[in-house]
């Protein structure tokens, strides 16, 4: 009888040991990767999900072998700080590595950063948007011609007025895209969302000058127009401030501004692409300050998207007695008071090999 009890006890112990070994083997096996080959799965861990819910989600998506094993692992290792977010998890990684990603918050980043460079025009911006997102250049141009959308912007932003609806303007938002690096949710972002995010930033920047702008005799549209010219004519804030001073002097003297950069824009030729023809220089166009009927006038609208520096230079321009300026091929700007001095300076730059030639 005693022998039988002893045998039963041994049998029970053996069964317990076998069961323990089996559980241990099962647990160790459950910690291993689902597959040896790389297979990525994207899923979202939502805010408020606990370990149990996350483990079940991972098992359901075949990212881990067993949800129970994960619950045991996190309990043993006192892990309870799994982070919410969108993850791109690899089925070839073991359970510990998967959990490590969730603890570290190694979320996948679908965001798109787009840098809009100072002095670039809407044509360049449309191409950049097309390169960085799912949108096409046509999508950009079509939105800029959408009267309902343009009216909504006029209603929403204090600095946008009916001036941008002038039929002679090429692109309604030219000059209003404040250059900077912007982050968007993903490549599927719409052109409308892109513009709205940028205009919110433009609003924030211009609002710092709102009181000064309201005391100015110029509209925001005119300020951005002059700033866009200064942007392309000079490199430093100091040069741009004096260039703007020259522009105002010429307007006061009933002279044309005679800015080549406006003529390039008028004929949709990018600077450096080619020289302008005499016919183009003398063709009447609401942008071309070298053309007929532009005495004392600025272009109908901005010719690029000016930097903060150019906007500041326009609002805080330098008083000068100069009526002319010219830049050498290195971007250094020279200011003169008369046409003869101006022509003399140009010849001097040519003689020194400092004249820009395309």
Foldseek 3Di string as FASTA:
>chain_A
DVVVVVVVVVVVVVVVVVVVVVVVVVLVVQQAFLDQDWDKDKDWFDPPDWLLRVLVVCCVVLLTVHSVSSVVVCVVVVDTQFATEIATGTSNGGPVVVSVCRNVVVHDAQKFKFFDDALAWLQVVLVSLVVGAVDHSVQQQVCQVPPVNLVVVCVVAVQQHCLLVPPQDRGSCFQQQAGDMDMDRHRHDHPSNVVVVRNVVSRVVCVVCVVLQVVDPDGSQVLSQLLSLLQVQADALQSSLALLLLLVVQLVVQAQNQRVLLLCLQVVHDPPNADDDPCSQADDGQRRSSYPPRGSHHHSGHSHHHYPSSSVSSSNHDNDQFNDWDAWQVRDIDTHNDPVVVVVVQVVCVVVVRHDDD
